[in-house]
Amino acid sequence: MNIFITGASSGIGKAVATEFTAFGHKVFLASRNTDKLAEICADLNSKTSGTADYIKCDVTVKSDIKCAVEAAIAKLGTIDIAFLNSGVGGKYFFKKPVEKDFRFVMDTNFYSVIDCLEYIVPIMQEQKKGHISVVSSMADARGFASSAPYGASKAALTIAVESARAELKSLGITVSTVRPGFVKSAITDKNNFKMPFLMETEKAAKIIASRILKNKTQIYFPWQMNWLTNLIKILPDSWFDKLNKDIRN
């Protein structure tokens, strides 16, 4: 299969690319960090049965996304799977101006996916098949203190992807939502609070790649964290507010 991956220079994106090439698939990687991409592709091409190529792409720049998708098609011929993974995190507080932070996080985590879909959906529609997999987060459950832009971007993404899944199914396009709990990455490395059920990146990538290849539409893990966030959703506000204060301040 031919697979297009954004946010591919580190974390889940890099690990998923490794998983796919290990199974002999062809990957086309997009990220801002071309030095890392060049390293990753050289490693994958020498050590796996698949192939890897890359392009520089800032997903907050729509023209970059267009060029990346066009380059992927030129190299691969088709895009069977699009794994849209670019994302940023961080701590943000309402006691100081947050508008700039919200725009940056929303542009990276949410609007980049919408822009990718604009170019990828017509390709898959013409092919009459394809799988689009979008990485959201279990942080979409409720509004956690100090992470409003991140949580808001992931909540918006989860809802948008669900809508896309319903609309695109009749066109032969499968859309899946990936909602991991805490996975070791540059984002989680910055957290200074306890992260329940923190998972190694490679283990997460194995789960994601295997379930995408099985055409699953809901990819939630670990199950313990999924259970916990479902519980948090239904907690009374007074209980959640106390918990929110305890775990984030």
C-alpha atoms as a PDB file:
ATOM      1  CA  MET A   1       0.000   0.000   0.000  1.00  0.00           C
ATOM      2  CA  ASN A   2       0.974   3.625  -0.544  1.00  0.00           C
ATOM      3  CA  ILE A   3       0.788   5.695   2.630  1.00  0.00           C
ATOM      4  CA  PHE A   4       1.007   9.473   3.148  1.00  0.00           C
ATOM      5  CA  ILE A   5       1.975  10.560   6.682  1.00  0.00           C
ATOM      6  CA  THR A   6       2.072  14.046   8.194  1.00  0.00           C
ATOM      7  CA  GLY A   7       3.929  14.870  11.390  1.00  0.00           C
ATOM      8  CA  ALA A   8       6.327  12.099  10.461  1.00  0.00           C
ATOM      9  CA  SER A   9       9.641  13.324  11.861  1.00  0.00           C
ATOM     10  CA  SER A  10       9.119  12.111  15.439  1.00  0.00           C
ATOM     11  CA  GLY A  11       6.793  10.399  17.886  1.00  0.00           C
ATOM     12  CA  ILE A  12       3.788   8.473  16.621  1.00  0.00           C
ATOM     13  CA  GLY A  13       4.260   9.575  12.999  1.00  0.00           C
ATOM     14  CA  LYS A  14       7.807   8.235  12.803  1.00  0.00           C
ATOM     15  CA  ALA A  15       6.924   5.015  14.643  1.00  0.00           C
ATOM     16  CA  VAL A  16       3.890   4.333  12.429  1.00  0.00           C
ATOM     17  CA  ALA A  17       6.024   4.890   9.318  1.00  0.00           C
ATOM     18  CA  THR A  18       8.452   2.294  10.682  1.00  0.00           C
ATOM     19  CA  GLU A  19       5.614  -0.175  11.264  1.00  0.00           C
ATOM     20  CA  PHE A  20       4.196   0.225   7.759  1.00  0.00           C
ATOM     21  CA  THR A  21       7.554  -0.148   5.993  1.00  0.00           C
ATOM     22  CA  ALA A  22       8.303  -3.219   8.113  1.00  0.00           C
ATOM     23  CA  PHE A  23       5.298  -4.810   6.379  1.00  0.00           C
ATOM     24  CA  GLY A  24       6.645  -3.823   2.956  1.00  0.00           C
ATOM     25  CA  HIS A  25       4.451  -0.772   2.360  1.00  0.00           C
ATOM     26  CA  LYS A  26       5.576   2.474   0.711  1.00  0.00           C
ATOM     27  CA  VAL A  27       5.465   5.630   2.817  1.00  0.00           C
ATOM     28  CA  PHE A  28       5.722   9.290   1.865  1.00  0.00           C
ATOM     29  CA  LEU A  29       6.553  11.453   4.859  1.00  0.00           C
ATOM     30  CA  ALA A  30       5.767  15.128   5.402  1.00  0.00           C
ATOM     31  CA  SER A  31       7.128  17.380   8.141  1.00  0.00           C
ATOM     32  CA  ARG A  32       8.961  20.660   8.659  1.00  0.00           C
ATOM     33  CA  ASN A  33      12.146  18.942   9.842  1.00  0.00           C
ATOM     34  CA  THR A  34      13.790  17.661   6.663  1.00  0.00           C
ATOM     35  CA  ASP A  35      17.020  16.711   8.425  1.00  0.00           C
ATOM     36  CA  LYS A  36      15.144  14.208  10.568  1.00  0.00           C
ATOM     37  CA  LEU A  37      13.053  13.027   7.616  1.00  0.00           C
ATOM     38  CA  ALA A  38      16.168  12.362   5.544  1.00  0.00           C
ATOM     39  CA  GLU A  39      17.602  10.328   8.425  1.00  0.00           C
ATOM     40  CA  ILE A  40      14.391   8.360   8.921  1.00  0.00           C
ATOM     41  CA  CYS A  41      13.993   7.560   5.224  1.00  0.00           C
ATOM     42  CA  ALA A  42      17.604   6.448   4.873  1.00  0.00           C
ATOM     43  CA  ASP A  43      17.156   4.149   7.862  1.00  0.00           C
ATOM     44  CA  LEU A  44      13.831   2.714   6.664  1.00  0.00           C
ATOM     45  CA  ASN A  45      15.089   2.163   3.106  1.00  0.00           C
ATOM     46  CA  SER A  46      18.125   0.272   4.355  1.00  0.00           C
ATOM     47  CA  LYS A  47      16.488  -1.792   7.099  1.00  0.00           C
ATOM     48  CA  THR A  48      12.939  -2.600   5.963  1.00  0.00           C
ATOM     49  CA  SER A  49      11.285  -4.233   2.968  1.00  0.00           C
ATOM     50  CA  GLY A  50       9.231  -1.110   2.278  1.00  0.00           C
ATOM     51  CA  THR A  51      10.293   2.223   0.801  1.00  0.00           C
ATOM     52  CA  ALA A  52      10.284   5.747   2.216  1.00  0.00           C
ATOM     53  CA  ASP A  53      10.490   9.208   0.694  1.00  0.00           C
ATOM     54  CA  TYR A  54       9.786  12.660   2.090  1.00  0.00           C
ATOM     55  CA  ILE A  55       9.013  16.322   1.507  1.00  0.00           C
ATOM     56  CA  LYS A  56       9.279  19.435   3.644  1.00  0.00           C
ATOM     57  CA  CYS A  57       5.812  20.556   4.713  1.00  0.00           C
ATOM     58  CA  ASP A  58       4.556  23.075   7.240  1.00  0.00           C
ATOM     59  CA  VAL A  59       0.972  21.944   7.792  1.00  0.00           C
ATOM     60  CA  THR A  60      -0.064  25.440   8.886  1.00  0.00           C
ATOM     61  CA  VAL A  61       0.661  26.600   5.321  1.00  0.00           C
ATOM     62  CA  LYS A  62      -2.048  25.394   2.947  1.00  0.00           C
ATOM     63  CA  SER A  63       0.148  25.663  -0.154  1.00  0.00           C
ATOM     64  CA  ASP A  64       2.699  23.370   1.536  1.00  0.00           C
ATOM     65  CA  ILE A  65      -0.001  20.738   2.057  1.00  0.00           C
ATOM     66  CA  LYS A  66      -1.066  20.975  -1.583  1.00  0.00           C
ATOM     67  CA  CYS A  67       2.550  20.522  -2.731  1.00  0.00           C
ATOM     68  CA  ALA A  68       3.063  17.595  -0.344  1.00  0.00           C
ATOM     69  CA  VAL A  69      -0.035  15.729  -1.547  1.00  0.00           C
ATOM     70  CA  GLU A  70       0.887  16.370  -5.200  1.00  0.00           C
ATOM     71  CA  ALA A  71       4.440  15.130  -4.547  1.00  0.00           C
ATOM     72  CA  ALA A  72       3.088  11.992  -2.867  1.00  0.00           C
ATOM     73  CA  ILE A  73       0.903  11.244  -5.894  1.00  0.00           C
ATOM     74  CA  ALA A  74       3.788  11.914  -8.271  1.00  0.00           C
ATOM     75  CA  LYS A  75       5.996   9.493  -6.327  1.00  0.00           C
ATOM     76  CA  LEU A  76       3.488   6.796  -5.350  1.00  0.00           C
ATOM     77  CA  GLY A  77       0.806   7.005  -8.032  1.00  0.00           C
ATOM     78  CA  THR A  78      -1.968   6.586  -5.447  1.00  0.00           C
ATOM     79  CA  ILE A  79      -2.613   7.341  -1.793  1.00  0.00           C
ATOM     80  CA  ASP A  80      -4.226   4.270  -0.264  1.00  0.00           C
ATOM     81  CA  ILE A  81      -3.876   5.486   3.319  1.00  0.00           C
ATOM     82  CA  ALA A  82      -3.478   9.025   4.650  1.00  0.00           C
ATOM     83  CA  PHE A  83      -2.284   9.141   8.246  1.00  0.00           C
ATOM     84  CA  LEU A  84      -2.801  12.712   9.455  1.00  0.00           C
ATOM     85  CA  ASN A  85      -0.810  13.076  12.621  1.00  0.00           C
ATOM     86  CA  SER A  86       0.645  16.598  12.927  1.00  0.00           C
ATOM     87  CA  GLY A  87       0.074  18.113  16.319  1.00  0.00           C
ATOM     88  CA  VAL A  88       1.394  20.410  19.029  1.00  0.00           C
ATOM     89  CA  GLY A  89       0.667  20.561  22.741  1.00  0.00           C
ATOM     90  CA  GLY A  90       1.845  22.670  25.647  1.00  0.00           C
ATOM     91  CA  LYS A  91       0.504  24.550  28.653  1.00  0.00           C
ATOM     92  CA  TYR A  92      -1.640  27.643  28.163  1.00  0.00           C
ATOM     93  CA  PHE A  93      -3.280  29.786  30.828  1.00  0.00           C
ATOM     94  CA  PHE A  94      -6.212  32.197  30.666  1.00  0.00           C
ATOM     95  CA  LYS A  95      -4.501  34.547  33.126  1.00  0.00           C
ATOM     96  CA  LYS A  96      -2.547  35.868  30.149  1.00  0.00           C
ATOM     97  CA  PRO A  97      -3.647  36.530  26.529  1.00  0.00           C
ATOM     98  CA  VAL A  98      -4.367  33.228  24.773  1.00  0.00           C
ATOM     99  CA  GLU A  99      -5.692  34.233  21.341  1.00  0.00           C
ATOM    100  CA  LYS A 100      -2.317  33.785  19.615  1.00  0.00           C
ATOM    101  CA  ASP A 101      -1.833  30.397  21.283  1.00  0.00           C
ATOM    102  CA  PHE A 102      -5.316  29.232  20.285  1.00  0.00           C
ATOM    103  CA  ARG A 103      -4.743  30.190  16.638  1.00  0.00           C
ATOM    104  CA  PHE A 104      -1.399  28.391  16.450  1.00  0.00           C
ATOM    105  CA  VAL A 105      -2.680  25.191  18.069  1.00  0.00           C
ATOM    106  CA  MET A 106      -5.932  25.172  16.079  1.00  0.00           C
ATOM    107  CA  ASP A 107      -4.046  25.803  12.826  1.00  0.00           C
ATOM    108  CA  THR A 108      -1.674  22.902  13.525  1.00  0.00           C
ATOM    109  CA  ASN A 109      -4.003  20.365  15.122  1.00  0.00           C
ATOM    110  CA  PHE A 110      -7.324  21.085  13.419  1.00  0.00           C
ATOM    111  CA  TYR A 111      -7.184  23.217  10.286  1.00  0.00           C
ATOM    112  CA  SER A 112      -4.203  21.315   8.886  1.00  0.00           C
ATOM    113  CA  VAL A 113      -6.404  18.191   8.790  1.00  0.00           C
ATOM    114  CA  ILE A 114      -9.241  20.074   7.102  1.00  0.00           C
ATOM    115  CA  ASP A 115      -6.781  21.365   4.493  1.00  0.00           C
ATOM    116  CA  CYS A 116      -5.369  17.863   3.957  1.00  0.00           C
ATOM    117  CA  LEU A 117      -8.864  16.510   3.395  1.00  0.00           C
ATOM    118  CA  GLU A 118      -9.508  19.158   0.761  1.00  0.00           C
ATOM    119  CA  TYR A 119      -6.749  17.678  -1.390  1.00  0.00           C
ATOM    120  CA  ILE A 120      -6.868  14.007  -0.392  1.00  0.00           C
ATOM    121  CA  VAL A 121     -10.620  13.341  -0.598  1.00  0.00           C
ATOM    122  CA  PRO A 122     -10.879  14.098  -4.381  1.00  0.00           C
ATOM    123  CA  ILE A 123      -7.960  11.735  -5.034  1.00  0.00           C
ATOM    124  CA  MET A 124      -9.573   8.904  -3.096  1.00  0.00           C
ATOM    125  CA  GLN A 125     -12.955   9.705  -4.605  1.00  0.00           C
ATOM    126  CA  GLU A 126     -11.462   9.251  -8.071  1.00  0.00           C
ATOM    127  CA  GLN A 127      -9.793   6.024  -6.929  1.00  0.00           C
ATOM    128  CA  LYS A 128     -13.136   4.927  -5.422  1.00  0.00           C
ATOM    129  CA  LYS A 129     -11.259   3.749  -2.332  1.00  0.00           C
ATOM    130  CA  GLY A 130      -8.950   4.883   0.423  1.00  0.00           C
ATOM    131  CA  HIS A 131      -8.487   5.146   4.178  1.00  0.00           C
ATOM    132  CA  ILE A 132      -8.010   8.442   6.018  1.00  0.00           C
ATOM    133  CA  SER A 133      -6.828   8.068   9.607  1.00  0.00           C
ATOM    134  CA  VAL A 134      -6.712  11.142  11.853  1.00  0.00           C
ATOM    135  CA  VAL A 135      -4.954  11.348  15.216  1.00  0.00           C
ATOM    136  CA  SER A 136      -7.078  13.067  17.837  1.00  0.00           C
ATOM    137  CA  SER A 137      -6.718  12.468  21.584  1.00  0.00           C
ATOM    138  CA  MET A 138      -8.614  11.400  24.673  1.00  0.00           C
ATOM    139  CA  ALA A 139      -7.994  14.985  25.795  1.00  0.00           C
ATOM    140  CA  ASP A 140     -11.156  15.739  23.790  1.00  0.00           C
ATOM    141  CA  ALA A 141     -13.236  14.440  26.732  1.00  0.00           C
ATOM    142  CA  ARG A 142     -13.557  17.635  28.799  1.00  0.00           C
ATOM    143  CA  GLY A 143     -11.920  21.006  29.364  1.00  0.00           C
ATOM    144  CA  PHE A 144      -8.799  20.352  31.398  1.00  0.00           C
ATOM    145  CA  ALA A 145      -7.040  23.251  33.101  1.00  0.00           C
ATOM    146  CA  SER A 146      -3.952  24.696  31.373  1.00  0.00           C
ATOM    147  CA  SER A 147      -4.603  22.880  28.075  1.00  0.00           C
ATOM    148  CA  ALA A 148      -7.599  24.683  26.589  1.00  0.00           C
ATOM    149  CA  PRO A 149      -6.202  25.159  23.041  1.00  0.00           C
ATOM    150  CA  TYR A 150      -5.064  21.545  22.803  1.00  0.00           C
ATOM    151  CA  GLY A 151      -8.271  20.073  24.210  1.00  0.00           C
ATOM    152  CA  ALA A 152     -10.454  22.353  22.087  1.00  0.00           C
ATOM    153  CA  SER A 153      -8.539  21.476  18.929  1.00  0.00           C
ATOM    154  CA  LYS A 154      -8.858  17.741  19.597  1.00  0.00           C
ATOM    155  CA  ALA A 155     -12.547  17.961  20.502  1.00  0.00           C
ATOM    156  CA  ALA A 156     -13.224  19.840  17.256  1.00  0.00           C
ATOM    157  CA  LEU A 157     -11.158  17.287  15.350  1.00  0.00           C
ATOM    158  CA  THR A 158     -12.993  14.283  16.822  1.00  0.00           C
ATOM    159  CA  ILE A 159     -16.369  15.754  15.838  1.00  0.00           C
ATOM    160  CA  ALA A 160     -15.226  16.762  12.341  1.00  0.00           C
ATOM    161  CA  VAL A 161     -13.728  13.344  11.637  1.00  0.00           C
ATOM    162  CA  GLU A 162     -16.912  11.637  12.793  1.00  0.00           C
ATOM    163  CA  SER A 163     -18.882  13.761  10.317  1.00  0.00           C
ATOM    164  CA  ALA A 164     -16.393  12.989   7.550  1.00  0.00           C
ATOM    165  CA  ARG A 165     -16.707   9.262   8.245  1.00  0.00           C
ATOM    166  CA  ALA A 166     -20.482   9.410   7.771  1.00  0.00           C
ATOM    167  CA  GLU A 167     -20.263  11.476   4.587  1.00  0.00           C
ATOM    168  CA  LEU A 168     -17.416   9.666   2.827  1.00  0.00           C
ATOM    169  CA  LYS A 169     -18.411   6.052   3.476  1.00  0.00           C
ATOM    170  CA  SER A 170     -20.659   5.950   0.398  1.00  0.00           C
ATOM    171  CA  LEU A 171     -17.684   7.069  -1.740  1.00  0.00           C
ATOM    172  CA  GLY A 172     -15.628   4.035  -0.708  1.00  0.00           C
ATOM    173  CA  ILE A 173     -13.488   6.074   1.687  1.00  0.00           C
ATOM    174  CA  THR A 174     -12.979   4.782   5.232  1.00  0.00           C
ATOM    175  CA  VAL A 175     -12.280   7.420   7.869  1.00  0.00           C
ATOM    176  CA  SER A 176     -10.850   6.418  11.239  1.00  0.00           C
ATOM    177  CA  THR A 177     -10.321   8.322  14.460  1.00  0.00           C
ATOM    178  CA  VAL A 178      -7.219   7.533  16.482  1.00  0.00           C
ATOM    179  CA  ARG A 179      -7.705   8.584  20.122  1.00  0.00           C
ATOM    180  CA  PRO A 180      -4.664   7.581  22.130  1.00  0.00           C
ATOM    181  CA  GLY A 181      -4.220   8.147  25.824  1.00  0.00           C
ATOM    182  CA  PHE A 182      -0.798   9.256  26.988  1.00  0.00           C
ATOM    183  CA  VAL A 183       1.892   8.130  24.534  1.00  0.00           C
ATOM    184  CA  LYS A 184       5.562   8.955  25.067  1.00  0.00           C
ATOM    185  CA  SER A 185       6.456  11.815  22.733  1.00  0.00           C
ATOM    186  CA  ALA A 186       7.845  15.348  22.646  1.00  0.00           C
ATOM    187  CA  ILE A 187       4.409  16.543  23.782  1.00  0.00           C
ATOM    188  CA  THR A 188       4.107  14.254  26.820  1.00  0.00           C
ATOM    189  CA  ASP A 189       7.771  14.791  27.741  1.00  0.00           C
ATOM    190  CA  LYS A 190       6.801  18.371  28.685  1.00  0.00           C
ATOM    191  CA  ASN A 191       4.078  17.279  31.101  1.00  0.00           C
ATOM    192  CA  ASN A 192       4.889  17.621  34.807  1.00  0.00           C
ATOM    193  CA  PHE A 193       1.854  15.723  36.100  1.00  0.00           C
ATOM    194  CA  LYS A 194       1.213  12.026  36.483  1.00  0.00           C
ATOM    195  CA  MET A 195       0.130  10.427  33.211  1.00  0.00           C
ATOM    196  CA  PRO A 196      -1.886   7.244  33.844  1.00  0.00           C
ATOM    197  CA  PHE A 197      -1.146   4.251  31.583  1.00  0.00           C
ATOM    198  CA  LEU A 198       1.647   6.081  29.689  1.00  0.00           C
ATOM    199  CA  MET A 199       2.465   3.939  26.651  1.00  0.00           C
ATOM    200  CA  GLU A 200       5.713   3.574  24.736  1.00  0.00           C
ATOM    201  CA  THR A 201       5.605   5.037  21.227  1.00  0.00           C
ATOM    202  CA  GLU A 202       6.480   1.798  19.469  1.00  0.00           C
ATOM    203  CA  LYS A 203       3.683  -0.133  21.173  1.00  0.00           C
ATOM    204  CA  ALA A 204       1.179   2.574  20.235  1.00  0.00           C
ATOM    205  CA  ALA A 205       2.379   2.500  16.617  1.00  0.00           C
ATOM    206  CA  LYS A 206       1.874  -1.274  16.402  1.00  0.00           C
ATOM    207  CA  ILE A 207      -1.723  -0.897  17.601  1.00  0.00           C
ATOM    208  CA  ILE A 208      -2.442   1.950  15.189  1.00  0.00           C
ATOM    209  CA  ALA A 209      -0.869   0.377  12.092  1.00  0.00           C
ATOM    210  CA  SER A 210      -2.470  -3.029  12.632  1.00  0.00           C
ATOM    211  CA  ARG A 211      -5.941  -1.568  13.133  1.00  0.00           C
ATOM    212  CA  ILE A 212      -5.670   0.747  10.136  1.00  0.00           C
ATOM    213  CA  LEU A 213      -4.700  -2.221   7.975  1.00  0.00           C
ATOM    214  CA  LYS A 214      -7.798  -4.010   9.319  1.00  0.00           C
ATOM    215  CA  ASN A 215      -9.869  -0.984   8.223  1.00  0.00           C
ATOM    216  CA  LYS A 216     -11.025  -0.177  11.751  1.00  0.00           C
ATOM    217  CA  THR A 217     -12.783   3.164  12.173  1.00  0.00           C
ATOM    218  CA  GLN A 218     -12.361   3.607  15.952  1.00  0.00           C
ATOM    219  CA  ILE A 219      -8.850   3.206  17.321  1.00  0.00           C
ATOM    220  CA  TYR A 220      -8.864   3.926  21.062  1.00  0.00           C
ATOM    221  CA  PHE A 221      -6.132   2.791  23.453  1.00  0.00           C
ATOM    222  CA  PRO A 222      -5.227   1.856  26.087  1.00  0.00           C
ATOM    223  CA  TRP A 223      -8.611   0.495  27.123  1.00  0.00           C
ATOM    224  CA  GLN A 224      -8.072   1.563  30.729  1.00  0.00           C
ATOM    225  CA  MET A 225      -7.632   5.201  29.701  1.00  0.00           C
ATOM    226  CA  ASN A 226     -10.624   5.005  27.375  1.00  0.00           C
ATOM    227  CA  TRP A 227     -12.728   3.711  30.277  1.00  0.00           C
ATOM    228  CA  LEU A 228     -11.411   6.486  32.532  1.00  0.00           C
ATOM    229  CA  THR A 229     -12.148   9.304  30.063  1.00  0.00           C
ATOM    230  CA  ASN A 230     -15.647   7.926  29.446  1.00  0.00           C
ATOM    231  CA  LEU A 231     -16.186   8.092  33.203  1.00  0.00           C
ATOM    232  CA  ILE A 232     -14.849  11.653  33.342  1.00  0.00           C
ATOM    233  CA  LYS A 233     -17.368  12.681  30.674  1.00  0.00           C
ATOM    234  CA  ILE A 234     -20.292  11.785  32.902  1.00  0.00           C
ATOM    235  CA  LEU A 235     -18.925  13.077  36.213  1.00  0.00           C
ATOM    236  CA  PRO A 236     -21.003  15.840  37.819  1.00  0.00           C
ATOM    237  CA  ASP A 237     -19.421  19.250  37.249  1.00  0.00           C
ATOM    238  CA  SER A 238     -18.666  19.718  40.943  1.00  0.00           C
ATOM    239  CA  TRP A 239     -16.706  16.452  41.049  1.00  0.00           C
ATOM    240  CA  PHE A 240     -14.897  17.165  37.800  1.00  0.00           C
ATOM    241  CA  ASP A 241     -13.930  20.685  38.898  1.00  0.00           C
ATOM    242  CA  LYS A 242     -12.282  19.320  42.030  1.00  0.00           C
ATOM    243  CA  LEU A 243     -10.455  16.623  40.062  1.00  0.00           C
ATOM    244  CA  ASN A 244      -9.438  19.104  37.368  1.00  0.00           C
ATOM    245  CA  LYS A 245      -7.876  21.388  39.959  1.00  0.00           C
ATOM    246  CA  ASP A 246      -6.068  18.514  41.676  1.00  0.00           C
ATOM    247  CA  ILE A 247      -4.426  17.049  38.554  1.00  0.00           C
ATOM    248  CA  ARG A 248      -3.507  20.209  36.671  1.00  0.00           C
ATOM    249  CA  ASN A 249      -2.524  22.935  39.177  1.00  0.00           C
END
